[in-house]
Amino acid sequence: DVCSSDLGKHVLKVGGDYRQFWKLLGSVSATEYGYFSFNGLFTGQAFADFLLGDPNNTQRLTPLINRHVHQQQSGLFFADTFKVTPKLTIDYGVRWDLYQSPTFDDGLMWNFDPTTGNVIVAPGTKGKVSPLYPSSIPIVEGQVVPNAKLTNIRPRISAAYRLGDNMVIRGGYG
């Protein structure tokens, strides 16, 4: 939504938006049981890396299905169009956005802490980890989803100068 007001040489605009995304994950992915790629990183030949069992990339997904994931985004902005002279117009403003991390409604999420080597699971969910999970990788309960960054502020400025009836020079930064 945008609210605009004309104040002589200034046109002020104020607005914001809110978006909520959600998705139902209702099927098992093809990479569920493991995906490995070999590109010759270790030996110079992809097939040789395969024979040695040295993939350059691996992936495995969770087997949980019929899960809802959602994410919220919101933003506010202020802008002013200032007609300095009949030929020169300057636009300036600022926008603030809040992007929250996607989360699963059932709370079954995990994250990895590279500084400690721990896998972090949501509080109260450690008992739901598969008994087949390797015991050599420590699992701890803690904050899985990071806090949203509150300092996502983006200023912008632009100018337009009319050289003649058919020529305008414009520039901006944001």
Protein backbone atom coordinates (compact mmCIF):
# COMPACT_ATOMS: atom_id res chain seq x y z
CA ASP A 1 0.00 0.00 0.00
CA VAL A 2 1.19 3.49 -0.85
CA CYS A 3 0.06 6.80 0.55
CA SER A 4 1.07 9.88 -1.46
CA SER A 5 0.83 13.58 -0.68
CA ASP A 6 1.63 16.55 -2.95
CA LEU A 7 3.23 19.43 -1.01
CA GLY A 8 4.19 21.98 -3.67
CA LYS A 9 7.65 21.04 -4.89
CA HIS A 10 7.60 17.80 -2.85
CA VAL A 11 5.66 14.59 -3.41
CA LEU A 12 5.92 12.41 -0.30
CA LYS A 13 5.23 8.68 -0.45
CA VAL A 14 4.91 6.36 2.52
CA GLY A 15 4.00 2.70 2.34
CA GLY A 16 4.60 -0.83 3.37
CA ASP A 17 3.82 -4.43 2.65
CA TYR A 18 3.38 -7.71 4.44
CA ARG A 19 3.72 -11.14 2.84
CA GLN A 20 3.24 -14.58 4.27
CA PHE A 21 4.45 -17.54 2.24
CA TRP A 22 3.59 -21.13 2.98
CA LYS A 23 4.11 -24.44 1.28
CA LEU A 24 3.01 -28.01 1.92
CA LEU A 25 5.83 -30.50 1.45
CA GLY A 26 3.80 -33.58 0.65
CA SER A 27 6.09 -35.86 -1.33
CA VAL A 28 9.46 -37.50 -0.89
CA SER A 29 12.21 -35.93 -2.97
CA ALA A 30 14.32 -37.89 -5.43
CA THR A 31 17.42 -36.97 -3.38
CA GLU A 32 15.84 -38.41 -0.23
CA TYR A 33 18.09 -41.42 -0.04
CA GLY A 34 21.26 -39.61 -0.99
CA TYR A 35 22.82 -37.74 -3.87
CA PHE A 36 26.51 -37.87 -4.70
CA SER A 37 28.38 -36.05 -7.43
CA PHE A 38 31.91 -36.70 -8.64
CA ASN A 39 33.82 -34.20 -10.77
CA GLY A 40 37.46 -35.29 -10.63
CA LEU A 41 38.35 -32.91 -7.81
CA PHE A 42 40.67 -35.41 -6.13
CA THR A 43 42.18 -37.41 -8.99
CA GLY A 44 41.46 -35.31 -12.08
CA GLN A 45 38.96 -37.91 -13.35
CA ALA A 46 35.35 -38.07 -12.15
CA PHE A 47 35.11 -41.85 -12.56
CA ALA A 48 38.34 -42.36 -10.58
CA ASP A 49 36.90 -40.23 -7.74
CA PHE A 50 33.79 -42.44 -7.88
CA LEU A 51 35.86 -45.63 -7.62
CA LEU A 52 37.72 -44.18 -4.62
CA GLY A 53 34.43 -43.06 -3.01
CA ASP A 54 35.48 -39.39 -2.87
CA PRO A 55 32.51 -37.25 -3.96
CA ASN A 56 32.90 -33.50 -4.34
CA ASN A 57 29.30 -32.97 -3.17
CA THR A 58 26.74 -34.99 -1.23
CA GLN A 59 23.19 -34.33 -0.16
CA ARG A 60 20.60 -36.11 1.92
CA LEU A 61 17.16 -34.85 2.85
CA THR A 62 14.80 -35.59 5.67
CA PRO A 63 12.20 -38.32 5.09
CA LEU A 64 9.41 -36.33 6.76
CA ILE A 65 6.43 -35.53 4.51
CA ASN A 66 3.13 -33.65 4.78
CA ARG A 67 4.79 -30.72 6.53
CA HIS A 68 3.86 -27.05 6.34
CA VAL A 69 6.62 -24.48 6.04
CA HIS A 70 5.99 -20.74 6.25
CA GLN A 71 7.91 -17.49 6.05
CA GLN A 72 6.96 -13.88 6.75
CA GLN A 73 8.31 -10.76 5.08
CA SER A 74 7.41 -7.14 5.74
CA GLY A 75 8.71 -3.75 4.76
CA LEU A 76 8.19 -0.01 5.16
CA PHE A 77 9.36 2.85 2.98
CA PHE A 78 9.46 6.62 2.76
CA ALA A 79 10.27 8.53 -0.42
CA ASP A 80 10.26 12.17 -1.51
CA THR A 81 10.28 13.51 -5.06
CA PHE A 82 11.63 17.06 -4.90
CA LYS A 83 11.31 19.25 -7.99
CA VAL A 84 14.25 21.61 -7.36
CA THR A 85 13.82 23.52 -10.64
CA PRO A 86 11.60 22.91 -13.67
CA LYS A 87 14.50 20.92 -15.18
CA LEU A 88 15.96 19.18 -12.08
CA THR A 89 14.15 16.57 -9.98
CA ILE A 90 15.68 14.69 -7.06
CA ASP A 91 14.19 11.54 -5.54
CA TYR A 92 15.39 10.23 -2.19
CA GLY A 93 14.11 7.83 0.38
CA VAL A 94 14.72 4.87 2.62
CA ARG A 95 13.29 1.35 2.85
CA TRP A 96 13.36 -1.08 5.78
CA ASP A 97 12.71 -4.79 5.24
CA LEU A 98 12.28 -7.68 7.65
CA TYR A 99 12.86 -11.14 6.20
CA GLN A 100 12.19 -13.93 8.66
CA SER A 101 13.66 -17.39 8.14
CA PRO A 102 11.40 -20.18 6.87
CA THR A 103 10.12 -22.40 9.67
CA PHE A 104 8.24 -25.68 9.83
CA ASP A 105 4.99 -25.68 11.79
CA ASP A 106 5.87 -28.99 13.49
CA GLY A 107 9.13 -27.52 14.88
CA LEU A 108 11.24 -30.41 13.54
CA MET A 109 14.20 -28.45 12.21
CA TRP A 110 17.96 -28.59 12.56
CA ASN A 111 21.00 -26.45 11.91
CA PHE A 112 24.76 -26.98 11.98
CA ASP A 113 27.23 -24.99 14.08
CA PRO A 114 30.58 -25.05 12.23
CA THR A 115 32.47 -23.64 15.22
CA THR A 116 31.56 -26.58 17.50
CA GLY A 117 30.66 -29.27 14.98
CA ASN A 118 27.31 -29.74 16.72
CA VAL A 119 24.00 -30.36 15.02
CA ILE A 120 21.42 -28.14 16.72
CA VAL A 121 17.80 -29.28 17.03
CA ALA A 122 14.85 -27.32 18.38
CA PRO A 123 14.23 -27.56 22.15
CA GLY A 124 12.21 -30.63 23.05
CA THR A 125 12.89 -32.47 19.78
CA LYS A 126 16.15 -34.29 20.51
CA GLY A 127 14.21 -37.48 21.30
CA LYS A 128 12.73 -37.41 17.77
CA VAL A 129 16.12 -37.77 16.06
CA SER A 130 16.45 -41.08 14.24
CA PRO A 131 18.27 -43.79 16.21
CA LEU A 132 20.22 -44.47 12.99
CA TYR A 133 21.83 -41.02 13.14
CA PRO A 134 25.62 -41.36 13.60
CA SER A 135 26.60 -41.06 17.26
CA SER A 136 29.92 -39.49 16.23
CA ILE A 137 28.13 -36.21 15.39
CA PRO A 138 27.00 -34.43 18.58
CA ILE A 139 23.38 -33.26 18.77
CA VAL A 140 22.40 -30.42 21.10
CA GLU A 141 19.16 -28.54 21.66
CA GLY A 142 19.17 -24.82 20.99
CA GLN A 143 18.06 -22.04 18.70
CA VAL A 144 17.70 -23.52 15.22
CA VAL A 145 16.27 -20.56 13.31
CA PRO A 146 18.39 -17.40 13.50
CA ASN A 147 16.82 -14.13 14.58
CA ALA A 148 15.74 -11.88 11.73
CA LYS A 149 18.11 -9.03 10.91
CA LEU A 150 16.47 -5.79 12.08
CA THR A 151 19.01 -3.46 10.46
CA ASN A 152 18.08 -4.10 6.82
CA ILE A 153 17.81 -0.40 5.94
CA ARG A 154 18.42 0.66 2.36
CA PRO A 155 18.70 4.32 1.40
CA ARG A 156 18.25 5.47 -2.19
CA ILE A 157 18.76 8.65 -4.15
CA SER A 158 18.34 9.59 -7.80
CA ALA A 159 18.28 12.68 -9.98
CA ALA A 160 16.84 13.56 -13.36
CA TYR A 161 17.86 16.61 -15.38
CA ARG A 162 15.97 17.62 -18.53
CA LEU A 163 18.38 18.91 -21.18
CA GLY A 164 15.60 19.54 -23.70
CA ASP A 165 12.17 18.35 -24.77
CA ASN A 166 13.54 15.00 -26.00
CA MET A 167 16.57 14.43 -23.74
CA VAL A 168 16.81 13.62 -20.03
CA ILE A 169 19.88 12.54 -18.05
CA ARG A 170 19.13 10.24 -15.11
CA GLY A 171 21.19 8.59 -12.45
CA GLY A 172 20.61 6.93 -9.14
CA TYR A 173 21.92 4.80 -6.35
CA GLY A 174 20.13 2.45 -4.02
